Amino acid sequence: MRKQLSLLAGLVLLATHAALAQPTVKEGPAGFDQPKAGVATGRLDSISYPSSIVGPVPPV
């Protein structure tokens, strides 16, 4: 009886969690990830620094 009650409580908790979960992410509009003319783009930079934890870091 105790095992059945524990199983029932676990199933109720799982069902409640699924019901209260956030909705899935929707797809973005078509072309949102394509570059557009006349819109400035960003740039990616790297930095390096000495660290006593991981040792010397070679410059990039």
Protein backbone atom coordinates (compact mmCIF):
# COMPACT_ATOMS: atom_id res chain seq x y z
CA MET A 1 0.00 0.00 0.00
CA ARG A 2 2.81 2.40 0.90
CA LYS A 3 4.60 1.73 -2.42
CA GLN A 4 1.40 2.38 -4.34
CA LEU A 5 0.82 5.65 -2.51
CA SER A 6 4.43 6.75 -3.19
CA LEU A 7 4.05 5.85 -6.85
CA LEU A 8 0.77 7.74 -7.09
CA ALA A 9 2.30 10.81 -5.42
CA GLY A 10 5.26 10.69 -7.83
CA LEU A 11 2.99 10.45 -10.85
CA VAL A 12 0.90 13.40 -9.62
CA LEU A 13 4.05 15.48 -9.14
CA LEU A 14 5.30 14.62 -12.64
CA ALA A 15 1.93 15.44 -14.20
CA THR A 16 1.77 18.75 -12.32
CA HIS A 17 5.28 19.68 -13.41
CA ALA A 18 4.46 19.00 -17.06
CA ALA A 19 1.26 21.04 -16.82
CA LEU A 20 3.02 24.05 -15.29
CA ALA A 21 6.07 24.01 -17.59
CA GLN A 22 6.75 26.94 -19.88
CA PRO A 23 5.58 26.59 -23.48
CA THR A 24 8.10 25.57 -26.12
CA VAL A 25 10.09 28.24 -27.91
CA LYS A 26 8.52 29.40 -31.17
CA GLU A 27 10.47 29.76 -34.38
CA GLY A 28 11.71 33.22 -35.33
CA PRO A 29 10.34 34.99 -38.39
CA ALA A 30 11.78 34.03 -41.75
CA GLY A 31 15.08 35.75 -42.49
CA PHE A 32 15.73 36.96 -38.93
CA ASP A 33 19.20 35.39 -38.98
CA GLN A 34 20.27 36.79 -42.36
CA PRO A 35 22.50 39.88 -42.67
CA LYS A 36 20.74 42.99 -43.96
CA ALA A 37 22.26 45.73 -46.08
CA GLY A 38 22.81 49.00 -44.23
CA VAL A 39 22.76 47.45 -40.74
CA ALA A 40 26.05 47.61 -38.81
CA THR A 41 27.43 44.28 -37.58
CA GLY A 42 29.34 43.57 -34.40
CA ARG A 43 32.83 42.24 -34.02
CA LEU A 44 34.25 39.47 -31.86
CA ASP A 45 37.43 40.16 -29.88
CA SER A 46 39.50 37.88 -27.65
CA ILE A 47 41.60 38.78 -24.67
CA SER A 48 44.28 36.80 -22.86
CA TYR A 49 45.79 37.30 -19.44
CA PRO A 50 48.10 35.41 -17.09
CA SER A 51 46.39 33.23 -14.52
CA SER A 52 47.85 31.48 -11.50
CA ILE A 53 45.03 28.93 -11.60
CA VAL A 54 45.31 27.62 -15.19
CA GLY A 55 48.85 28.75 -15.95
CA PRO A 56 50.04 31.06 -18.72
CA VAL A 57 47.60 31.66 -21.55
CA PRO A 58 49.17 32.04 -25.00
CA PRO A 59 48.16 35.14 -26.98
CA VAL A 60 45.55 34.62 -29.66
